[in-house]
Amino acid sequence: MARIIGAIASSHTPTIGFALDAKKQADPAWKPIFDAYAPIQQWIADKQPDVLLMIYNDHITSFFFNHYSAFALGVDESYAVADEGGGPRGVPPVAGHAALSRHVAQSLVTDEFDLSTFRDKALDHGIFSPLSVLLPHGEDGWPVPIVPLQIGVLQFPIPTALRCWKLGQALRMAVESYPEDLKVALVATGGLSHQVHGERCGFNNTVWDEQFLDLLEKDPVALTRLTHADYARLGGMEGSEIIMWLVMRGALSASVRKVHGSYYLPSMTAIATAIYENQAEPLSAAEAAAHRARMGAQLAGAQELEGTYPYTLDRSAKGYRVNRFLHGLLDPATRERFRADEEAAFAEAGLTEEERDLIRRRDWRGMIHYGVIFFLLEKLGAISGVSNLDIYAGMRGQSLEEFMKTRNQQVTYSVAAQLED
């Protein structure tokens, strides 16, 4: 089974990545930062983790306020570097461990954490700034895949410190119940004290930073009793993102072994690093199996219902490309291009021949079996001048007349404003 071997704490200020790109490692202003990461690089080389589970916050780059979640878990196979306004950094995409991500998502929801999942989102400096100094990278990519867990800490209300701690406890169960033999290292990013807005911008508090690091190691529960206002008062408004470190700490044993720590305040943000080695006994095989059974309890038996296909994260991943294509047809200009030349639209979207054939033939049942969700079938039907009732009949292998005999009223309808001839 998977096991958590330890955790890394790292600030994620974008200047770390920029200084690395500019080869400032020997510059006196930057050298203390890079020196602090050398022991972490060695620890990773020695421990050889199979996955880094990275806890971070996006800085209104890939996530905006039209849909802002408290907890959002990446379930993609790859993550590109985001353009934060001046062009993306010249670093390669990082692979995701999608299977572990899907397992973690299901486990967290089972433990009543209402999180969202994401794909097709680039990651900003919250991930790539620390990742750049944790792992070697080049044209061949990165040596370790990641699972990114984004915490929404910029638009209130946000999760409490206690909620983050409890999330960490649930995260431990999620990771350790994964059946594959993986060594997982947690990486908590953000902080320490800083404020970057308003007349208080430039605020730092070294005394608090040192106290926080001490409590995080020895008495993290004390940190769960502080309010967001407490964190803002002590460490700056943006410095309150440090509650994300409690997710990492909650996933570790009550007593940890700190094998590295550093602190440096060069300008606006106090930069800290740490390594905590886990002292906990992993779940037994029986405990892990029992948790996986609990994860599956809500859908147990649903797959045995004739003609029923629960839309799980696995099914979503399989049908993602064609679902994304069909969802794109909500755009009027894209619809017109599709109507004018379906084959060109298929090619532009990179659909496989199997996916193209399913859409060409309007094979409603086949698309459901493939992994298309019904609510995109009805949109394709509307675009094609096909009623929902025709789609229902097609999924059941019946003619429209046969299907209508099973209905109380003989009506047809569609999500289109008007069916076309």
Protein backbone atom coordinates (compact mmCIF):
# COMPACT_ATOMS: atom_id res chain seq x y z
CA MET A 1 0.00 0.00 0.00
CA ALA A 2 0.97 3.64 -0.31
CA ARG A 3 2.64 5.28 2.67
CA ILE A 4 3.58 8.81 3.67
CA ILE A 5 7.32 8.91 4.20
CA GLY A 6 7.51 12.51 5.39
CA ALA A 7 6.75 16.08 4.49
CA ILE A 8 8.45 19.17 3.12
CA ALA A 9 7.45 22.71 4.00
CA SER A 10 8.39 25.46 1.58
CA SER A 11 7.46 29.04 0.89
CA HIS A 12 6.27 29.58 -2.66
CA THR A 13 7.14 33.19 -3.44
CA PRO A 14 7.53 33.60 -7.23
CA THR A 15 10.91 35.28 -6.83
CA ILE A 16 12.47 31.89 -5.99
CA GLY A 17 11.67 30.63 -9.46
CA PHE A 18 12.70 33.85 -11.14
CA ALA A 19 16.01 33.92 -9.28
CA LEU A 20 16.66 30.31 -10.31
CA ASP A 21 15.91 31.11 -13.95
CA ALA A 22 18.26 34.11 -13.77
CA LYS A 23 21.00 31.90 -12.25
CA LYS A 24 21.20 33.96 -9.04
CA GLN A 25 22.24 31.01 -6.87
CA ALA A 26 25.54 32.63 -5.93
CA ASP A 27 24.16 36.16 -5.53
CA PRO A 28 24.48 37.21 -1.85
CA ALA A 29 20.82 38.23 -1.69
CA TRP A 30 19.62 34.87 -2.99
CA LYS A 31 22.26 32.41 -1.87
CA PRO A 32 20.68 31.74 1.57
CA ILE A 33 17.49 30.63 -0.16
CA PHE A 34 19.20 28.17 -2.46
CA ASP A 35 21.46 26.90 0.32
CA ALA A 36 18.32 26.05 2.33
CA TYR A 37 17.00 23.83 -0.44
CA ALA A 38 20.18 21.75 -0.80
CA PRO A 39 19.31 19.49 2.19
CA ILE A 40 15.80 19.00 0.81
CA GLN A 41 17.16 18.03 -2.58
CA GLN A 42 19.41 15.51 -0.85
CA TRP A 43 16.53 14.18 1.25
CA ILE A 44 14.44 13.62 -1.87
CA ALA A 45 17.38 11.91 -3.58
CA ASP A 46 17.87 9.64 -0.57
CA LYS A 47 14.20 8.82 0.07
CA GLN A 48 13.19 8.48 -3.60
CA PRO A 49 9.49 9.35 -3.25
CA ASP A 50 7.24 8.07 -6.02
CA VAL A 51 4.79 10.98 -5.75
CA LEU A 52 4.77 14.49 -4.30
CA LEU A 53 1.37 15.50 -2.97
CA MET A 54 1.57 19.29 -3.11
CA ILE A 55 -0.69 21.56 -1.05
CA TYR A 56 -0.82 25.08 -2.45
CA ASN A 57 -3.02 28.01 -3.34
CA ASP A 58 -3.51 29.51 -6.76
CA HIS A 59 -3.00 33.28 -7.01
CA ILE A 60 -6.03 34.10 -9.20
CA THR A 61 -4.23 32.69 -12.20
CA SER A 62 -6.04 29.50 -13.18
CA PHE A 63 -8.88 29.88 -10.65
CA PHE A 64 -11.15 32.92 -10.68
CA PHE A 65 -14.09 34.08 -8.60
CA ASN A 66 -16.70 32.83 -11.07
CA HIS A 67 -16.14 29.42 -9.43
CA TYR A 68 -14.04 29.44 -6.29
CA SER A 69 -13.71 26.27 -4.22
CA ALA A 70 -12.41 25.69 -0.73
CA PHE A 71 -10.66 22.48 -1.80
CA ALA A 72 -9.85 21.59 -5.41
CA LEU A 73 -7.88 18.46 -6.31
CA GLY A 74 -6.07 18.02 -9.62
CA VAL A 75 -6.94 14.71 -11.32
CA ASP A 76 -5.09 15.27 -14.58
CA GLU A 77 -2.26 13.35 -16.23
CA SER A 78 -0.14 16.47 -16.76
CA TYR A 79 0.02 20.10 -15.58
CA ALA A 80 1.54 22.95 -17.57
CA VAL A 81 3.12 26.05 -16.08
CA ALA A 82 0.72 29.01 -15.99
CA ASP A 83 1.21 32.40 -17.61
CA GLU A 84 0.89 34.86 -14.72
CA GLY A 85 0.98 37.95 -16.88
CA GLY A 86 4.47 38.09 -18.36
CA GLY A 87 4.54 34.79 -20.18
CA PRO A 88 4.99 31.31 -18.69
CA ARG A 89 8.33 30.29 -17.23
CA GLY A 90 10.45 28.10 -19.44
CA VAL A 91 9.97 24.93 -17.42
CA PRO A 92 8.32 21.74 -18.67
CA PRO A 93 4.89 20.45 -17.65
CA VAL A 94 4.90 18.10 -14.69
CA ALA A 95 3.21 14.71 -14.79
CA GLY A 96 0.29 14.01 -12.51
CA HIS A 97 -0.42 10.73 -10.76
CA ALA A 98 -4.04 10.65 -11.90
CA ALA A 99 -4.89 7.27 -10.40
CA LEU A 100 -3.81 8.30 -6.92
CA SER A 101 -5.63 11.63 -7.37
CA ARG A 102 -8.90 9.89 -8.19
CA HIS A 103 -8.53 7.60 -5.18
CA VAL A 104 -7.78 10.55 -2.89
CA ALA A 105 -10.80 12.45 -4.22
CA GLN A 106 -13.16 9.56 -3.57
CA SER A 107 -11.70 8.99 -0.12
CA LEU A 108 -11.99 12.64 0.91
CA VAL A 109 -15.59 12.86 -0.23
CA THR A 110 -16.31 9.63 1.68
CA ASP A 111 -14.90 11.41 4.74
CA GLU A 112 -17.27 14.32 4.03
CA PHE A 113 -14.86 16.83 2.54
CA ASP A 114 -16.76 18.50 -0.28
CA LEU A 115 -14.04 19.16 -2.80
CA SER A 116 -14.01 19.93 -6.49
CA THR A 117 -11.69 18.31 -9.02
CA PHE A 118 -9.92 19.94 -11.93
CA ARG A 119 -8.25 19.18 -15.23
CA ASP A 120 -6.93 21.40 -18.03
CA LYS A 121 -5.64 24.00 -15.58
CA ALA A 122 -2.09 25.27 -15.59
CA LEU A 123 -0.38 25.66 -12.22
CA ASP A 124 1.15 28.93 -11.09
CA HIS A 125 4.08 29.74 -8.82
CA GLY A 126 2.27 28.16 -5.88
CA ILE A 127 3.46 24.84 -7.34
CA PHE A 128 6.24 25.57 -9.80
CA SER A 129 8.30 27.99 -7.73
CA PRO A 130 9.06 25.47 -4.95
CA LEU A 131 9.05 22.52 -7.35
CA SER A 132 11.83 24.19 -9.33
CA VAL A 133 14.19 24.06 -6.37
CA LEU A 134 13.05 20.68 -5.07
CA LEU A 135 13.57 18.59 -8.20
CA PRO A 136 15.97 18.59 -11.14
CA HIS A 137 14.19 19.32 -14.41
CA GLY A 138 14.92 19.86 -18.05
CA GLU A 139 13.67 18.94 -21.50
CA ASP A 140 12.89 15.42 -20.27
CA GLY A 141 10.55 16.82 -17.61
CA TRP A 142 10.49 16.10 -13.89
CA PRO A 143 11.55 12.87 -12.16
CA VAL A 144 8.54 12.64 -9.81
CA PRO A 145 4.81 13.10 -10.60
CA ILE A 146 2.59 15.23 -8.40
CA VAL A 147 -0.91 15.37 -6.97
CA PRO A 148 -1.88 19.07 -6.57
CA LEU A 149 -4.35 20.05 -3.84
CA GLN A 150 -5.44 23.67 -4.19
CA ILE A 151 -6.80 25.42 -1.10
CA GLY A 152 -8.96 28.50 -1.67
CA VAL A 153 -7.55 30.96 0.86
CA LEU A 154 -7.99 34.29 -0.95
CA GLN A 155 -11.74 34.91 -0.96
CA PHE A 156 -13.52 34.66 2.37
CA PRO A 157 -15.12 32.60 3.78
CA ILE A 158 -12.20 30.17 3.65
CA PRO A 159 -11.56 26.93 5.55
CA THR A 160 -10.61 27.36 9.19
CA ALA A 161 -7.25 26.26 10.54
CA LEU A 162 -9.04 23.39 12.29
CA ARG A 163 -10.68 22.33 9.02
CA CYS A 164 -7.29 22.25 7.33
CA TRP A 165 -5.94 20.10 10.16
CA LYS A 166 -8.86 17.69 9.81
CA LEU A 167 -8.35 17.59 6.06
CA GLY A 168 -4.80 16.44 6.69
CA GLN A 169 -6.05 13.64 8.91
CA ALA A 170 -8.43 12.51 6.18
CA LEU A 171 -5.64 12.87 3.62
CA ARG A 172 -3.52 10.39 5.53
CA MET A 173 -6.30 7.79 5.35
CA ALA A 174 -6.77 8.53 1.66
CA VAL A 175 -3.11 8.04 0.80
CA GLU A 176 -2.47 5.01 2.99
CA SER A 177 -5.54 3.15 1.72
CA TYR A 178 -4.32 3.37 -1.87
CA PRO A 179 -3.50 -0.24 -2.82
CA GLU A 180 -0.39 0.41 -4.93
CA ASP A 181 3.00 0.37 -3.19
CA LEU A 182 3.96 4.06 -3.38
CA LYS A 183 6.20 6.29 -1.30
CA VAL A 184 4.41 9.63 -0.98
CA ALA A 185 6.01 12.84 0.27
CA LEU A 186 3.77 15.75 1.21
CA VAL A 187 4.79 19.28 0.23
CA ALA A 188 3.07 22.20 1.97
CA THR A 189 3.68 25.55 0.29
CA GLY A 190 3.06 29.21 1.15
CA GLY A 191 3.98 31.73 3.81
CA LEU A 192 5.47 32.70 6.09
CA SER A 193 4.60 36.22 7.31
CA HIS A 194 3.80 38.74 4.59
CA GLN A 195 1.18 41.19 3.44
CA VAL A 196 1.09 42.41 -0.14
CA HIS A 197 -1.94 44.70 -0.22
CA GLY A 198 -3.04 47.98 1.35
CA GLU A 199 -1.19 50.40 3.56
CA ARG A 200 0.04 47.51 5.71
CA CYS A 201 1.87 45.92 2.77
CA GLY A 202 5.41 44.93 3.67
CA PHE A 203 4.41 43.70 7.13
CA ASN A 204 6.51 40.85 8.57
CA ASN A 205 6.81 39.29 12.01
CA THR A 206 9.88 37.13 12.59
CA VAL A 207 8.95 36.42 16.20
CA TRP A 208 5.62 34.97 15.10
CA ASP A 209 7.21 33.03 12.24
CA GLU A 210 9.57 31.31 14.66
CA GLN A 211 6.75 30.59 17.09
CA PHE A 212 4.61 29.17 14.31
CA LEU A 213 7.37 26.83 13.15
CA ASP A 214 7.94 25.64 16.70
CA LEU A 215 4.23 24.98 17.29
CA LEU A 216 3.84 23.30 13.92
CA GLU A 217 6.43 20.75 14.94
CA LYS A 218 5.57 20.27 18.60
CA ASP A 219 1.99 21.40 19.25
CA PRO A 220 0.10 21.84 15.97
CA VAL A 221 -3.29 21.53 17.66
CA ALA A 222 -2.61 24.90 19.33
CA LEU A 223 -2.49 26.44 15.84
CA THR A 224 -5.97 25.10 15.05
CA ARG A 225 -7.45 27.32 17.76
CA LEU A 226 -6.43 30.56 16.04
CA THR A 227 -8.87 32.50 13.88
CA HIS A 228 -8.16 33.98 10.47
CA ALA A 229 -7.98 37.38 12.16
CA ASP A 230 -5.34 35.99 14.55
CA TYR A 231 -3.25 34.74 11.64
CA ALA A 232 -3.63 38.06 9.81
CA ARG A 233 -2.69 40.08 12.90
CA LEU A 234 0.35 37.94 13.63
CA GLY A 235 1.62 37.16 10.15
CA GLY A 236 -0.07 39.52 7.70
CA MET A 237 -3.26 39.04 5.71
CA GLU A 238 -1.65 37.03 2.92
CA GLY A 239 0.56 35.29 5.47
CA SER A 240 -2.58 33.64 6.81
CA GLU A 241 -2.28 31.20 3.89
CA ILE A 242 0.05 29.37 6.27
CA ILE A 243 -2.99 27.41 7.47
CA MET A 244 -2.25 25.20 4.45
CA TRP A 245 0.74 23.84 6.34
CA LEU A 246 -1.74 22.37 8.83
CA VAL A 247 -3.08 20.11 6.07
CA MET A 248 0.40 18.62 5.76
CA ARG A 249 0.93 18.43 9.52
CA GLY A 250 -2.44 16.81 10.14
CA ALA A 251 -1.47 13.98 7.80
CA LEU A 252 1.64 13.14 9.85
CA SER A 253 2.14 11.37 13.14
CA ALA A 254 1.53 13.22 16.40
CA SER A 255 5.28 13.25 16.98
CA VAL A 256 7.52 13.97 14.00
CA ARG A 257 11.25 14.16 13.53
CA LYS A 258 12.38 17.49 12.12
CA VAL A 259 15.55 16.88 10.12
CA HIS A 260 15.94 20.28 8.47
CA GLY A 261 14.78 23.84 8.95
CA SER A 262 15.67 27.29 7.62
CA TYR A 263 14.36 30.85 7.81
CA TYR A 264 15.27 33.92 5.75
CA LEU A 265 13.59 37.32 5.35
CA PRO A 266 15.07 39.00 2.27
CA SER A 267 12.30 41.45 1.40
CA MET A 268 8.52 41.09 1.34
CA THR A 269 8.00 37.46 2.33
CA ALA A 270 9.58 35.45 5.10
CA ILE A 271 10.91 32.31 3.41
CA ALA A 272 11.11 29.08 5.37
CA THR A 273 11.86 25.45 4.60
CA ALA A 274 11.56 22.32 6.71
CA ILE A 275 11.57 18.54 6.48
CA TYR A 276 9.48 16.43 8.84
CA GLU A 277 9.89 12.66 8.87
CA ASN A 278 6.80 10.68 9.71
CA GLN A 279 6.90 8.48 12.81
CA ALA A 280 3.46 6.88 12.36
CA GLU A 281 2.74 3.23 11.76
CA PRO A 282 1.01 2.86 8.39
CA LEU A 283 -2.47 1.42 8.09
CA SER A 284 -2.68 -2.34 8.22
CA ALA A 285 -3.85 -4.13 5.09
CA ALA A 286 -7.13 -4.94 6.83
CA GLU A 287 -7.72 -1.29 7.82
CA ALA A 288 -6.96 -0.10 4.30
CA ALA A 289 -9.30 -2.68 2.78
CA ALA A 290 -12.06 -1.68 5.19
CA HIS A 291 -11.66 1.97 4.23
CA ARG A 292 -11.77 1.15 0.51
CA ALA A 293 -14.97 -0.82 1.13
CA ARG A 294 -16.42 2.23 2.88
CA MET A 295 -15.38 4.38 -0.08
CA GLY A 296 -17.34 2.11 -2.41
CA ALA A 297 -20.39 1.68 -0.20
CA GLN A 298 -22.43 4.52 -1.71
CA LEU A 299 -22.27 3.07 -5.24
CA ALA A 300 -22.19 -0.61 -4.28
CA GLY A 301 -24.60 -2.43 -6.59
CA ALA A 302 -25.31 0.52 -8.88
CA GLN A 303 -23.12 -0.95 -11.63
CA GLU A 304 -25.27 -4.10 -11.57
CA LEU A 305 -28.41 -2.14 -12.48
CA GLU A 306 -29.13 -2.97 -16.11
CA GLY A 307 -28.16 -0.18 -18.49
CA THR A 308 -26.72 1.98 -15.71
CA TYR A 309 -23.23 3.56 -15.79
CA PRO A 310 -22.36 5.76 -12.78
CA TYR A 311 -20.33 8.75 -13.92
CA THR A 312 -17.26 8.22 -11.78
CA LEU A 313 -13.91 10.00 -12.00
CA ASP A 314 -12.56 6.97 -13.89
CA ARG A 315 -15.37 7.20 -16.46
CA SER A 316 -14.87 10.96 -16.66
CA ALA A 317 -11.16 10.50 -17.36
CA LYS A 318 -11.85 7.98 -20.14
CA GLY A 319 -14.41 10.19 -21.88
CA TYR A 320 -12.82 13.52 -21.07
CA ARG A 321 -11.59 14.42 -24.56
CA VAL A 322 -14.92 13.82 -26.31
CA ASN A 323 -16.88 15.41 -23.45
CA ARG A 324 -14.68 18.50 -23.71
CA PHE A 325 -15.33 18.63 -27.45
CA LEU A 326 -19.10 18.40 -27.01
CA HIS A 327 -19.06 20.97 -24.21
CA GLY A 328 -17.21 23.34 -26.53
CA LEU A 329 -20.24 23.30 -28.84
CA LEU A 330 -22.01 25.57 -26.35
CA ASP A 331 -20.09 28.40 -28.01
CA PRO A 332 -22.16 29.72 -30.98
CA ALA A 333 -19.13 30.23 -33.25
CA THR A 334 -17.86 26.73 -32.51
CA ARG A 335 -21.32 25.32 -33.27
CA GLU A 336 -21.33 27.03 -36.63
CA ARG A 337 -17.91 25.62 -37.51
CA PHE A 338 -19.13 22.16 -36.48
CA ARG A 339 -22.24 22.44 -38.64
CA ALA A 340 -20.17 23.66 -41.58
CA ASP A 341 -17.49 20.95 -41.40
CA GLU A 342 -17.71 18.24 -38.74
CA GLU A 343 -14.52 16.54 -39.89
CA ALA A 344 -12.47 19.71 -39.56
CA ALA A 345 -13.89 20.22 -36.06
CA PHE A 346 -12.96 16.65 -35.11
CA ALA A 347 -9.42 17.13 -36.37
CA GLU A 348 -8.98 20.43 -34.55
CA ALA A 349 -10.06 18.77 -31.29
CA GLY A 350 -7.72 15.81 -31.79
CA LEU A 351 -10.51 13.24 -31.44
CA THR A 352 -9.66 9.61 -32.05
CA GLU A 353 -11.28 7.78 -34.94
CA GLU A 354 -13.49 5.87 -32.50
CA GLU A 355 -14.68 9.14 -30.96
CA ARG A 356 -15.31 10.71 -34.36
CA ASP A 357 -17.30 7.69 -35.50
CA LEU A 358 -19.51 7.73 -32.42
CA ILE A 359 -20.40 11.38 -33.05
CA ARG A 360 -20.78 11.00 -36.83
CA ARG A 361 -23.33 8.23 -36.38
CA ARG A 362 -24.97 9.97 -33.42
CA ASP A 363 -24.53 6.65 -31.63
CA TRP A 364 -26.21 7.72 -28.40
CA ARG A 365 -25.85 4.37 -26.66
CA GLY A 366 -22.26 3.94 -27.84
CA MET A 367 -21.30 7.36 -26.52
CA ILE A 368 -22.77 6.54 -23.11
CA HIS A 369 -20.79 3.29 -23.05
CA TYR A 370 -17.66 5.19 -24.07
CA GLY A 371 -17.92 7.67 -21.20
CA VAL A 372 -19.92 10.63 -22.52
CA ILE A 373 -22.28 12.10 -19.96
CA PHE A 374 -25.93 12.31 -21.00
CA PHE A 375 -26.20 16.07 -20.53
CA LEU A 376 -23.75 16.59 -23.38
CA LEU A 377 -25.67 14.13 -25.56
CA GLU A 378 -28.76 16.31 -25.25
CA LYS A 379 -26.72 19.34 -26.30
CA LEU A 380 -25.41 17.48 -29.36
CA GLY A 381 -28.99 16.46 -30.04
CA ALA A 382 -30.15 20.07 -29.87
CA ILE A 383 -27.42 21.12 -32.28
CA SER A 384 -28.39 18.25 -34.61
CA GLY A 385 -32.15 18.87 -34.48
CA VAL A 386 -32.76 15.68 -32.50
CA SER A 387 -35.14 15.64 -29.55
CA ASN A 388 -34.34 14.20 -26.15
CA LEU A 389 -36.96 11.54 -26.79
CA ASP A 390 -35.08 10.36 -29.90
CA ILE A 391 -31.93 10.06 -27.78
CA TYR A 392 -33.75 8.10 -25.08
CA ALA A 393 -35.12 5.73 -27.71
CA GLY A 394 -31.67 5.32 -29.25
CA MET A 395 -30.11 4.47 -25.90
CA ARG A 396 -32.75 1.79 -25.37
CA GLY A 397 -32.37 0.40 -28.89
CA GLN A 398 -35.94 1.30 -29.80
CA SER A 399 -37.64 3.34 -32.45
CA LEU A 400 -39.13 6.64 -31.32
CA GLU A 401 -42.61 5.17 -31.77
CA GLU A 402 -41.75 2.17 -29.59
CA PHE A 403 -40.30 4.35 -26.86
CA MET A 404 -43.23 6.77 -26.89
CA LYS A 405 -45.59 3.89 -26.13
CA THR A 406 -43.87 3.63 -22.73
CA ARG A 407 -44.60 7.31 -21.89
CA ASN A 408 -47.74 8.76 -20.31
CA GLN A 409 -47.81 11.75 -22.65
CA GLN A 410 -46.86 11.84 -26.33
CA VAL A 411 -44.62 14.92 -26.25
CA THR A 412 -41.13 15.66 -27.53
CA TYR A 413 -38.72 18.26 -26.24
CA SER A 414 -35.11 19.38 -26.32
CA VAL A 415 -32.75 21.80 -24.61
CA ALA A 416 -32.71 23.77 -27.89
CA ALA A 417 -34.80 26.91 -28.00
CA GLN A 418 -36.36 25.44 -31.14
CA LEU A 419 -35.83 22.15 -32.93
CA GLU A 420 -34.51 22.53 -36.41
CA ASP A 421 -35.90 20.67 -39.41
